[in-house]
Amino acid sequence: MPKTERKEKEMTFIEMLKNRWQKANSMVCVGLDSDYSQIPEGCKTGDVYETMKGFNFSVVSMTRDFVCAYKPNSAFYEDQWFPGLQALQETISIIRTLDPTIPVILDAKRTDIGNTNRGYAKMAFDVLGADAITVNPYFGGEALKPFLDRADKGVIVLCRTSNPGAKELQDLPVTIDTGVVPGINRVTMPLYQRVAYQVANEWNKNGNCLLVVGVTYPDELKEVRKIVGDMPILVPGIGAQKGDLEATVKAGLDSTGFGMIINSARGIIFASKEGDFNVAAQEAKKLRDQINEIKASIITGQ
């Protein structure tokens, strides 16, 4: 697969994201979870690569005015083997062609030991051409170094995920020292808050870190926002997981009135069972407008 190029002057992922928030007046991210089995029959050509590429081209063409980012989930491409991976690479290339100002997040949730992560980082950033990747913090900052060292790329760390079973581990209490003198400023907090603290205070030396906090946990999102300040937060779970949008926006806005990448996948890309991509555009615009209405009411205090 050829490397995906960006021809205009390179910006960091964070710069692209902030510019896009302003340009599109949007915090909507469309998740390109293009599950081949869910693609409408009328969009299928009989060839996996052509079908997935064509489907994503239509989604991006119709929704690009309303989004701050796209987020293909690698699982839905990997399960189609080489044709799917080709479609993933081509999808990123399509986004570059249609609007090179829109950043692309590869949702792969990678993490292993450092040597392995070098390969994951090369694949995500240099082969596929993604601007950011989701990663798991469990191996620690040392293992994540191949990602963190790419100052121009976004490293989006899982913090409080949106699935119902997240609390099994992510809510476990842990104790840390937050002061200079060990034992004096000892604080006990849930593990997900410890992750947020670690990312904000230790791993974000290049200013390229973000966090994942699911839309199904607005109270936890509020606590994470207090810990990380204006660090951008990826918020999955709108739509299929029935997250509370108003509570999410209230909890997650940063001091600039943005600060979030609010992801909706199936609720937009599969909004029409007949493959009418005008419906996808309508749903993306609707979500953007709903978020902005909530934001306006918060800012004006009404």
C-alpha atoms as a PDB file:
ATOM      1  CA  MET A   1       0.000   0.000   0.000  1.00  0.00           C
ATOM      2  CA  PRO A   2       1.482   3.404  -0.925  1.00  0.00           C
ATOM      3  CA  LYS A   3       2.035   6.066   1.679  1.00  0.00           C
ATOM      4  CA  THR A   4      -0.738   8.634   1.919  1.00  0.00           C
ATOM      5  CA  GLU A   5       0.684  12.116   1.365  1.00  0.00           C
ATOM      6  CA  ARG A   6      -0.510  15.515   2.496  1.00  0.00           C
ATOM      7  CA  LYS A   7       0.704  18.081   0.008  1.00  0.00           C
ATOM      8  CA  GLU A   8      -0.006  21.323   1.806  1.00  0.00           C
ATOM      9  CA  LYS A   9       2.185  22.696   4.578  1.00  0.00           C
ATOM     10  CA  GLU A  10       2.203  20.205   7.413  1.00  0.00           C
ATOM     11  CA  MET A  11       0.421  21.075  10.638  1.00  0.00           C
ATOM     12  CA  THR A  12       0.334  19.058  13.806  1.00  0.00           C
ATOM     13  CA  PHE A  13      -2.788  17.087  14.597  1.00  0.00           C
ATOM     14  CA  ILE A  14      -3.680  19.480  17.410  1.00  0.00           C
ATOM     15  CA  GLU A  15      -3.314  22.479  15.080  1.00  0.00           C
ATOM     16  CA  MET A  16      -5.485  20.788  12.458  1.00  0.00           C
ATOM     17  CA  LEU A  17      -8.133  19.958  15.042  1.00  0.00           C
ATOM     18  CA  LYS A  18      -8.295  23.473  16.475  1.00  0.00           C
ATOM     19  CA  ASN A  19      -8.471  24.982  13.002  1.00  0.00           C
ATOM     20  CA  ARG A  20     -11.215  22.581  12.033  1.00  0.00           C
ATOM     21  CA  TRP A  21     -13.277  23.335  15.144  1.00  0.00           C
ATOM     22  CA  GLN A  22     -13.319  26.961  14.049  1.00  0.00           C
ATOM     23  CA  LYS A  23     -13.693  26.443  10.307  1.00  0.00           C
ATOM     24  CA  ALA A  24     -16.612  24.011  10.491  1.00  0.00           C
ATOM     25  CA  ASN A  25     -17.935  25.332  13.824  1.00  0.00           C
ATOM     26  CA  SER A  26     -18.231  21.675  14.719  1.00  0.00           C
ATOM     27  CA  MET A  27     -17.111  19.120  17.284  1.00  0.00           C
ATOM     28  CA  VAL A  28     -18.697  16.253  15.342  1.00  0.00           C
ATOM     29  CA  CYS A  29     -16.506  13.332  14.329  1.00  0.00           C
ATOM     30  CA  VAL A  30     -17.919  10.771  11.920  1.00  0.00           C
ATOM     31  CA  GLY A  31     -16.811   7.261  12.755  1.00  0.00           C
ATOM     32  CA  LEU A  32     -16.148   5.420   9.510  1.00  0.00           C
ATOM     33  CA  ASP A  33     -17.011   2.045  11.054  1.00  0.00           C
ATOM     34  CA  SER A  34     -17.822   0.696   7.616  1.00  0.00           C
ATOM     35  CA  ASP A  35     -18.771  -2.845   8.577  1.00  0.00           C
ATOM     36  CA  TYR A  36     -19.051  -4.633   5.223  1.00  0.00           C
ATOM     37  CA  SER A  37     -21.988  -6.718   6.447  1.00  0.00           C
ATOM     38  CA  GLN A  38     -23.949  -3.543   7.286  1.00  0.00           C
ATOM     39  CA  ILE A  39     -23.326  -1.671   4.034  1.00  0.00           C
ATOM     40  CA  PRO A  40     -26.625  -1.455   2.100  1.00  0.00           C
ATOM     41  CA  GLU A  41     -26.906  -4.031  -0.665  1.00  0.00           C
ATOM     42  CA  GLY A  42     -27.453  -1.299  -3.219  1.00  0.00           C
ATOM     43  CA  CYS A  43     -23.965   0.046  -2.438  1.00  0.00           C
ATOM     44  CA  LYS A  44     -22.208  -3.292  -2.934  1.00  0.00           C
ATOM     45  CA  THR A  45     -20.370  -4.030  -6.165  1.00  0.00           C
ATOM     46  CA  GLY A  46     -19.345  -7.607  -5.429  1.00  0.00           C
ATOM     47  CA  ASP A  47     -15.791  -6.442  -4.665  1.00  0.00           C
ATOM     48  CA  VAL A  48     -14.904  -5.678  -1.033  1.00  0.00           C
ATOM     49  CA  TYR A  49     -12.311  -3.007  -1.810  1.00  0.00           C
ATOM     50  CA  GLU A  50     -14.472  -1.151  -4.327  1.00  0.00           C
ATOM     51  CA  THR A  51     -17.545  -1.392  -2.094  1.00  0.00           C
ATOM     52  CA  MET A  52     -15.880  -0.054   1.045  1.00  0.00           C
ATOM     53  CA  LYS A  53     -13.980   2.630  -0.841  1.00  0.00           C
ATOM     54  CA  GLY A  54     -17.098   3.778  -2.687  1.00  0.00           C
ATOM     55  CA  PHE A  55     -19.239   3.760   0.441  1.00  0.00           C
ATOM     56  CA  ASN A  56     -16.710   5.848   2.382  1.00  0.00           C
ATOM     57  CA  PHE A  57     -16.238   8.236  -0.531  1.00  0.00           C
ATOM     58  CA  SER A  58     -19.973   8.918  -0.553  1.00  0.00           C
ATOM     59  CA  VAL A  59     -20.134   9.382   3.234  1.00  0.00           C
ATOM     60  CA  VAL A  60     -17.195  11.792   3.276  1.00  0.00           C
ATOM     61  CA  SER A  61     -18.412  13.698   0.217  1.00  0.00           C
ATOM     62  CA  MET A  62     -21.765  14.368   1.833  1.00  0.00           C
ATOM     63  CA  THR A  63     -20.738  15.016   5.453  1.00  0.00           C
ATOM     64  CA  ARG A  64     -17.424  16.852   5.221  1.00  0.00           C
ATOM     65  CA  ASP A  65     -18.871  20.334   5.744  1.00  0.00           C
ATOM     66  CA  PHE A  66     -20.206  19.375   9.169  1.00  0.00           C
ATOM     67  CA  VAL A  67     -17.295  17.587  10.846  1.00  0.00           C
ATOM     68  CA  CYS A  68     -14.096  18.278  12.740  1.00  0.00           C
ATOM     69  CA  ALA A  69     -12.590  14.836  12.083  1.00  0.00           C
ATOM     70  CA  TYR A  70     -13.117  11.351  10.682  1.00  0.00           C
ATOM     71  CA  LYS A  71     -12.370   8.207  12.664  1.00  0.00           C
ATOM     72  CA  PRO A  72     -12.125   4.901  10.811  1.00  0.00           C
ATOM     73  CA  ASN A  73     -12.064   1.925  13.184  1.00  0.00           C
ATOM     74  CA  SER A  74      -9.388  -0.445  11.917  1.00  0.00           C
ATOM     75  CA  ALA A  75     -11.297  -3.564  13.021  1.00  0.00           C
ATOM     76  CA  PHE A  76     -13.913  -3.131  10.297  1.00  0.00           C
ATOM     77  CA  TYR A  77     -11.177  -3.074   7.660  1.00  0.00           C
ATOM     78  CA  GLU A  78      -8.862  -5.699   9.100  1.00  0.00           C
ATOM     79  CA  ASP A  79     -11.661  -8.291   9.175  1.00  0.00           C
ATOM     80  CA  GLN A  80     -11.813  -8.038   5.373  1.00  0.00           C
ATOM     81  CA  TRP A  81      -8.069  -8.763   5.168  1.00  0.00           C
ATOM     82  CA  PHE A  82      -6.055  -7.158   2.353  1.00  0.00           C
ATOM     83  CA  PRO A  83      -8.984  -5.639   0.407  1.00  0.00           C
ATOM     84  CA  GLY A  84     -10.183  -4.028   3.633  1.00  0.00           C
ATOM     85  CA  LEU A  85      -6.744  -2.618   4.452  1.00  0.00           C
ATOM     86  CA  GLN A  86      -6.502  -1.252   0.925  1.00  0.00           C
ATOM     87  CA  ALA A  87      -9.889   0.387   1.425  1.00  0.00           C
ATOM     88  CA  LEU A  88      -8.695   1.903   4.717  1.00  0.00           C
ATOM     89  CA  GLN A  89      -5.619   3.426   3.070  1.00  0.00           C
ATOM     90  CA  GLU A  90      -7.692   4.673   0.161  1.00  0.00           C
ATOM     91  CA  THR A  91     -10.297   6.151   2.515  1.00  0.00           C
ATOM     92  CA  ILE A  92      -7.637   8.299   4.183  1.00  0.00           C
ATOM     93  CA  SER A  93      -6.409   9.336   0.732  1.00  0.00           C
ATOM     94  CA  ILE A  94      -9.969  10.258  -0.253  1.00  0.00           C
ATOM     95  CA  ILE A  95     -10.317  12.503   2.796  1.00  0.00           C
ATOM     96  CA  ARG A  96      -7.015  14.175   1.919  1.00  0.00           C
ATOM     97  CA  THR A  97      -8.268  14.831  -1.602  1.00  0.00           C
ATOM     98  CA  LEU A  98     -11.753  16.071  -0.702  1.00  0.00           C
ATOM     99  CA  ASP A  99     -10.631  18.278   2.196  1.00  0.00           C
ATOM    100  CA  PRO A 100      -7.023  18.109   3.449  1.00  0.00           C
ATOM    101  CA  THR A 101      -7.898  20.298   6.461  1.00  0.00           C
ATOM    102  CA  ILE A 102      -9.882  17.487   8.096  1.00  0.00           C
ATOM    103  CA  PRO A 103      -7.785  15.339  10.461  1.00  0.00           C
ATOM    104  CA  VAL A 104      -8.077  11.552  10.432  1.00  0.00           C
ATOM    105  CA  ILE A 105      -8.003   9.465  13.615  1.00  0.00           C
ATOM    106  CA  LEU A 106      -7.142   5.791  13.294  1.00  0.00           C
ATOM    107  CA  ASP A 107      -9.143   4.011  15.974  1.00  0.00           C
ATOM    108  CA  ALA A 108      -6.878   1.012  16.567  1.00  0.00           C
ATOM    109  CA  LYS A 109      -6.369   1.036  20.369  1.00  0.00           C
ATOM    110  CA  ARG A 110      -2.782  -0.123  19.943  1.00  0.00           C
ATOM    111  CA  THR A 111      -0.237  -0.727  22.656  1.00  0.00           C
ATOM    112  CA  ASP A 112       2.479  -3.274  23.262  1.00  0.00           C
ATOM    113  CA  ILE A 113       6.130  -3.114  24.236  1.00  0.00           C
ATOM    114  CA  GLY A 114       8.173  -0.350  22.660  1.00  0.00           C
ATOM    115  CA  ASN A 115       9.664  -2.384  19.797  1.00  0.00           C
ATOM    116  CA  THR A 116       6.219  -3.492  18.671  1.00  0.00           C
ATOM    117  CA  ASN A 117       4.817   0.004  19.026  1.00  0.00           C
ATOM    118  CA  ARG A 118       7.395   1.333  16.600  1.00  0.00           C
ATOM    119  CA  GLY A 119       5.817  -0.882  13.968  1.00  0.00           C
ATOM    120  CA  TYR A 120       2.302   0.157  14.932  1.00  0.00           C
ATOM    121  CA  ALA A 121       3.267   3.834  14.772  1.00  0.00           C
ATOM    122  CA  LYS A 122       4.924   3.420  11.382  1.00  0.00           C
ATOM    123  CA  MET A 123       1.879   1.640   9.980  1.00  0.00           C
ATOM    124  CA  ALA A 124      -0.594   4.200  11.319  1.00  0.00           C
ATOM    125  CA  PHE A 125       1.305   7.375  10.506  1.00  0.00           C
ATOM    126  CA  ASP A 126       3.705   6.604   7.667  1.00  0.00           C
ATOM    127  CA  VAL A 127       1.908   3.899   5.683  1.00  0.00           C
ATOM    128  CA  LEU A 128      -1.764   4.727   6.201  1.00  0.00           C
ATOM    129  CA  GLY A 129      -1.173   8.444   6.742  1.00  0.00           C
ATOM    130  CA  ALA A 130      -3.396   8.928   9.792  1.00  0.00           C
ATOM    131  CA  ASP A 131      -3.019  12.085  11.884  1.00  0.00           C
ATOM    132  CA  ALA A 132      -3.777  10.442  15.234  1.00  0.00           C
ATOM    133  CA  ILE A 133      -4.258   7.029  16.799  1.00  0.00           C
ATOM    134  CA  THR A 134      -6.038   5.663  19.855  1.00  0.00           C
ATOM    135  CA  VAL A 135      -3.818   3.784  22.325  1.00  0.00           C
ATOM    136  CA  ASN A 136      -4.144   1.799  25.538  1.00  0.00           C
ATOM    137  CA  PRO A 137      -2.254   3.139  28.585  1.00  0.00           C
ATOM    138  CA  TYR A 138      -1.807  -0.230  30.314  1.00  0.00           C
ATOM    139  CA  PHE A 139       1.833  -0.693  29.254  1.00  0.00           C
ATOM    140  CA  GLY A 140       2.850   2.734  30.576  1.00  0.00           C
ATOM    141  CA  GLY A 141       4.537   5.781  29.109  1.00  0.00           C
ATOM    142  CA  GLU A 142       7.825   4.022  28.323  1.00  0.00           C
ATOM    143  CA  ALA A 143       6.066   1.626  25.944  1.00  0.00           C
ATOM    144  CA  LEU A 144       4.077   4.470  24.364  1.00  0.00           C
ATOM    145  CA  LYS A 145       7.217   6.448  23.553  1.00  0.00           C
ATOM    146  CA  PRO A 146       7.183   5.602  19.801  1.00  0.00           C
ATOM    147  CA  PHE A 147       3.775   7.288  19.627  1.00  0.00           C
ATOM    148  CA  LEU A 148       4.460  10.119  22.065  1.00  0.00           C
ATOM    149  CA  ASP A 149       7.699  11.051  20.273  1.00  0.00           C
ATOM    150  CA  ARG A 150       5.736  11.841  17.100  1.00  0.00           C
ATOM    151  CA  ALA A 151       5.037  15.418  18.152  1.00  0.00           C
ATOM    152  CA  ASP A 152       3.087  16.162  14.983  1.00  0.00           C
ATOM    153  CA  LYS A 153       0.661  13.288  15.553  1.00  0.00           C
ATOM    154  CA  GLY A 154      -2.171  12.882  18.040  1.00  0.00           C
ATOM    155  CA  VAL A 155      -1.925  10.198  20.732  1.00  0.00           C
ATOM    156  CA  ILE A 156      -5.412   9.552  22.083  1.00  0.00           C
ATOM    157  CA  VAL A 157      -5.226   7.579  25.322  1.00  0.00           C
ATOM    158  CA  LEU A 158      -8.101   5.427  26.572  1.00  0.00           C
ATOM    159  CA  CYS A 159      -9.260   6.844  29.891  1.00  0.00           C
ATOM    160  CA  ARG A 160     -12.943   6.095  30.659  1.00  0.00           C
ATOM    161  CA  THR A 161     -14.424   4.003  27.894  1.00  0.00           C
ATOM    162  CA  SER A 162     -18.109   3.934  26.976  1.00  0.00           C
ATOM    163  CA  ASN A 163     -18.831   0.227  27.377  1.00  0.00           C
ATOM    164  CA  PRO A 164     -20.909  -1.003  30.365  1.00  0.00           C
ATOM    165  CA  GLY A 165     -18.085  -3.166  31.736  1.00  0.00           C
ATOM    166  CA  ALA A 166     -15.576  -0.311  31.898  1.00  0.00           C
ATOM    167  CA  LYS A 167     -16.021   0.081  35.657  1.00  0.00           C
ATOM    168  CA  GLU A 168     -14.533  -3.366  36.407  1.00  0.00           C
ATOM    169  CA  LEU A 169     -11.028  -1.930  36.190  1.00  0.00           C
ATOM    170  CA  GLN A 170     -11.355   1.754  35.382  1.00  0.00           C
ATOM    171  CA  ASP A 171     -13.122   2.631  38.634  1.00  0.00           C
ATOM    172  CA  LEU A 172     -10.694   0.790  40.920  1.00  0.00           C
ATOM    173  CA  PRO A 173      -9.252   3.167  43.576  1.00  0.00           C
ATOM    174  CA  VAL A 174      -5.547   3.996  43.397  1.00  0.00           C
ATOM    175  CA  THR A 175      -3.412   6.297  45.554  1.00  0.00           C
ATOM    176  CA  ILE A 176      -0.823   8.723  44.222  1.00  0.00           C
ATOM    177  CA  ASP A 177       1.418  11.491  45.557  1.00  0.00           C
ATOM    178  CA  THR A 178       0.676  14.793  43.858  1.00  0.00           C
ATOM    179  CA  GLY A 179       3.186  16.871  45.824  1.00  0.00           C
ATOM    180  CA  VAL A 180       6.952  17.286  45.986  1.00  0.00           C
ATOM    181  CA  VAL A 181       7.304  15.539  49.333  1.00  0.00           C
ATOM    182  CA  PRO A 182       6.230  11.860  49.099  1.00  0.00           C
ATOM    183  CA  GLY A 183       3.346  10.978  51.393  1.00  0.00           C
ATOM    184  CA  ILE A 184       2.312  14.560  52.154  1.00  0.00           C
ATOM    185  CA  ASN A 185      -0.086  15.195  49.272  1.00  0.00           C
ATOM    186  CA  ARG A 186      -1.443  11.682  48.910  1.00  0.00           C
ATOM    187  CA  VAL A 187      -4.722  11.394  47.009  1.00  0.00           C
ATOM    188  CA  THR A 188      -6.943   8.397  46.291  1.00  0.00           C
ATOM    189  CA  MET A 189      -8.823   8.443  43.010  1.00  0.00           C
ATOM    190  CA  PRO A 190     -10.370   6.012  40.503  1.00  0.00           C
ATOM    191  CA  LEU A 191      -7.928   4.487  38.030  1.00  0.00           C
ATOM    192  CA  TYR A 192      -9.403   6.421  35.085  1.00  0.00           C
ATOM    193  CA  GLN A 193      -8.637   9.705  36.877  1.00  0.00           C
ATOM    194  CA  ARG A 194      -5.121   8.457  37.565  1.00  0.00           C
ATOM    195  CA  VAL A 195      -4.721   7.857  33.836  1.00  0.00           C
ATOM    196  CA  ALA A 196      -5.941  11.389  33.101  1.00  0.00           C
ATOM    197  CA  TYR A 197      -3.527  12.834  35.656  1.00  0.00           C
ATOM    198  CA  GLN A 198      -0.615  10.808  34.257  1.00  0.00           C
ATOM    199  CA  VAL A 199      -1.304  11.805  30.660  1.00  0.00           C
ATOM    200  CA  ALA A 200      -1.718  15.499  31.477  1.00  0.00           C
ATOM    201  CA  ASN A 201       1.270  15.784  33.816  1.00  0.00           C
ATOM    202  CA  GLU A 202       3.790  13.232  32.549  1.00  0.00           C
ATOM    203  CA  TRP A 203       3.119  12.027  29.022  1.00  0.00           C
ATOM    204  CA  ASN A 204       2.083  15.239  27.267  1.00  0.00           C
ATOM    205  CA  LYS A 205       5.532  16.790  26.963  1.00  0.00           C
ATOM    206  CA  ASN A 206       5.052  17.298  23.212  1.00  0.00           C
ATOM    207  CA  GLY A 207       1.532  18.680  23.616  1.00  0.00           C
ATOM    208  CA  ASN A 208       0.135  15.923  21.403  1.00  0.00           C
ATOM    209  CA  CYS A 209      -1.939  13.898  23.881  1.00  0.00           C
ATOM    210  CA  LEU A 210      -5.708  13.542  24.089  1.00  0.00           C
ATOM    211  CA  LEU A 211      -8.006  11.302  26.105  1.00  0.00           C
ATOM    212  CA  VAL A 212     -10.979   9.053  25.404  1.00  0.00           C
ATOM    213  CA  VAL A 213     -13.985   9.452  27.718  1.00  0.00           C
ATOM    214  CA  GLY A 214     -17.249   7.806  26.683  1.00  0.00           C
ATOM    215  CA  VAL A 215     -20.412   9.838  26.251  1.00  0.00           C
ATOM    216  CA  THR A 216     -22.196   7.400  28.559  1.00  0.00           C
ATOM    217  CA  TYR A 217     -20.273   8.808  31.550  1.00  0.00           C
ATOM    218  CA  PRO A 218     -20.826  12.606  31.709  1.00  0.00           C
ATOM    219  CA  ASP A 219     -20.020  12.800  35.425  1.00  0.00           C
ATOM    220  CA  GLU A 220     -16.676  11.135  34.816  1.00  0.00           C
ATOM    221  CA  LEU A 221     -16.097  13.423  31.838  1.00  0.00           C
ATOM    222  CA  LYS A 222     -16.591  16.426  34.096  1.00  0.00           C
ATOM    223  CA  GLU A 223     -13.976  15.114  36.519  1.00  0.00           C
ATOM    224  CA  VAL A 224     -11.505  14.417  33.721  1.00  0.00           C
ATOM    225  CA  ARG A 225     -11.977  17.940  32.338  1.00  0.00           C
ATOM    226  CA  LYS A 226     -11.048  19.339  35.760  1.00  0.00           C
ATOM    227  CA  ILE A 227      -7.834  17.289  35.759  1.00  0.00           C
ATOM    228  CA  VAL A 228      -6.619  17.944  32.204  1.00  0.00           C
ATOM    229  CA  GLY A 229      -7.688  21.545  31.591  1.00  0.00           C
ATOM    230  CA  ASP A 230      -8.085  22.292  27.883  1.00  0.00           C
ATOM    231  CA  MET A 231      -6.649  19.003  26.609  1.00  0.00           C
ATOM    232  CA  PRO A 232      -8.922  17.735  23.796  1.00  0.00           C
ATOM    233  CA  ILE A 233     -11.124  14.754  24.620  1.00  0.00           C
ATOM    234  CA  LEU A 234     -12.487  12.192  22.180  1.00  0.00           C
ATOM    235  CA  VAL A 235     -16.042  11.323  23.223  1.00  0.00           C
ATOM    236  CA  PRO A 236     -17.434   8.158  21.580  1.00  0.00           C
ATOM    237  CA  GLY A 237     -20.871   6.666  22.089  1.00  0.00           C
ATOM    238  CA  ILE A 238     -23.328   9.169  20.608  1.00  0.00           C
ATOM    239  CA  GLY A 239     -26.151   7.418  18.799  1.00  0.00           C
ATOM    240  CA  ALA A 240     -25.894   3.663  19.147  1.00  0.00           C
ATOM    241  CA  GLN A 241     -24.976   3.807  22.834  1.00  0.00           C
ATOM    242  CA  LYS A 242     -27.655   6.422  23.667  1.00  0.00           C
ATOM    243  CA  GLY A 243     -25.367   8.889  25.380  1.00  0.00           C
ATOM    244  CA  ASP A 244     -26.834  12.050  26.930  1.00  0.00           C
ATOM    245  CA  LEU A 245     -25.669  14.765  24.549  1.00  0.00           C
ATOM    246  CA  GLU A 246     -26.645  17.776  26.686  1.00  0.00           C
ATOM    247  CA  ALA A 247     -24.909  16.405  29.785  1.00  0.00           C
ATOM    248  CA  THR A 248     -21.849  15.576  27.709  1.00  0.00           C
ATOM    249  CA  VAL A 249     -21.501  19.050  26.223  1.00  0.00           C
ATOM    250  CA  LYS A 250     -21.958  20.678  29.625  1.00  0.00           C
ATOM    251  CA  ALA A 251     -19.329  18.424  31.177  1.00  0.00           C
ATOM    252  CA  GLY A 252     -16.741  18.493  28.423  1.00  0.00           C
ATOM    253  CA  LEU A 253     -16.478  22.013  26.987  1.00  0.00           C
ATOM    254  CA  ASP A 254     -13.074  23.629  27.424  1.00  0.00           C
ATOM    255  CA  SER A 255     -12.353  27.297  28.087  1.00  0.00           C
ATOM    256  CA  THR A 256     -12.544  28.112  24.346  1.00  0.00           C
ATOM    257  CA  GLY A 257     -16.023  26.652  23.903  1.00  0.00           C
ATOM    258  CA  PHE A 258     -14.747  23.593  22.063  1.00  0.00           C
ATOM    259  CA  GLY A 259     -12.456  20.867  23.450  1.00  0.00           C
ATOM    260  CA  MET A 260     -14.254  17.721  22.319  1.00  0.00           C
ATOM    261  CA  ILE A 261     -14.328  15.341  19.369  1.00  0.00           C
ATOM    262  CA  ILE A 262     -17.851  13.922  19.669  1.00  0.00           C
ATOM    263  CA  ASN A 263     -18.035  10.760  17.626  1.00  0.00           C
ATOM    264  CA  SER A 264     -21.059   9.230  15.965  1.00  0.00           C
ATOM    265  CA  ALA A 265     -20.619   6.286  13.625  1.00  0.00           C
ATOM    266  CA  ARG A 266     -23.578   4.032  12.849  1.00  0.00           C
ATOM    267  CA  GLY A 267     -26.074   6.806  13.586  1.00  0.00           C
ATOM    268  CA  ILE A 268     -24.686   8.723  10.609  1.00  0.00           C
ATOM    269  CA  ILE A 269     -23.099   6.353   8.112  1.00  0.00           C
ATOM    270  CA  PHE A 270     -25.913   3.775   8.300  1.00  0.00           C
ATOM    271  CA  ALA A 271     -28.718   6.289   8.836  1.00  0.00           C
ATOM    272  CA  SER A 272     -30.273   5.177   5.557  1.00  0.00           C
ATOM    273  CA  LYS A 273     -30.808   1.467   4.980  1.00  0.00           C
ATOM    274  CA  GLU A 274     -31.150   2.218   1.277  1.00  0.00           C
ATOM    275  CA  GLY A 275     -27.788   3.964   0.975  1.00  0.00           C
ATOM    276  CA  ASP A 276     -29.177   7.502   0.637  1.00  0.00           C
ATOM    277  CA  PHE A 277     -26.155   9.563   1.646  1.00  0.00           C
ATOM    278  CA  ASN A 278     -28.231  12.736   1.856  1.00  0.00           C
ATOM    279  CA  VAL A 279     -29.609  11.206   5.048  1.00  0.00           C
ATOM    280  CA  ALA A 280     -26.064  10.813   6.405  1.00  0.00           C
ATOM    281  CA  ALA A 281     -25.435  14.489   5.674  1.00  0.00           C
ATOM    282  CA  GLN A 282     -28.669  15.476   7.404  1.00  0.00           C
ATOM    283  CA  GLU A 283     -27.755  13.456  10.507  1.00  0.00           C
ATOM    284  CA  ALA A 284     -24.241  14.941  10.676  1.00  0.00           C
ATOM    285  CA  LYS A 285     -25.607  18.466  10.334  1.00  0.00           C
ATOM    286  CA  LYS A 286     -28.340  17.742  12.887  1.00  0.00           C
ATOM    287  CA  LEU A 287     -25.803  16.551  15.445  1.00  0.00           C
ATOM    288  CA  ARG A 288     -23.545  19.557  14.821  1.00  0.00           C
ATOM    289  CA  ASP A 289     -26.462  21.949  15.249  1.00  0.00           C
ATOM    290  CA  GLN A 290     -27.692  20.220  18.413  1.00  0.00           C
ATOM    291  CA  ILE A 291     -24.241  20.480  19.976  1.00  0.00           C
ATOM    292  CA  ASN A 292     -23.962  24.151  19.034  1.00  0.00           C
ATOM    293  CA  GLU A 293     -27.416  24.936  20.427  1.00  0.00           C
ATOM    294  CA  ILE A 294     -26.487  23.328  23.745  1.00  0.00           C
ATOM    295  CA  LYS A 295     -23.172  25.146  23.747  1.00  0.00           C
ATOM    296  CA  ALA A 296     -24.847  28.494  23.074  1.00  0.00           C
ATOM    297  CA  SER A 297     -27.269  27.973  25.960  1.00  0.00           C
ATOM    298  CA  ILE A 298     -24.358  27.192  28.282  1.00  0.00           C
ATOM    299  CA  ILE A 299     -22.356  30.245  27.211  1.00  0.00           C
ATOM    300  CA  THR A 300     -25.333  32.600  27.546  1.00  0.00           C
ATOM    301  CA  GLY A 301     -26.440  30.971  30.796  1.00  0.00           C
ATOM    302  CA  GLN A 302     -29.947  30.287  29.541  1.00  0.00           C
END
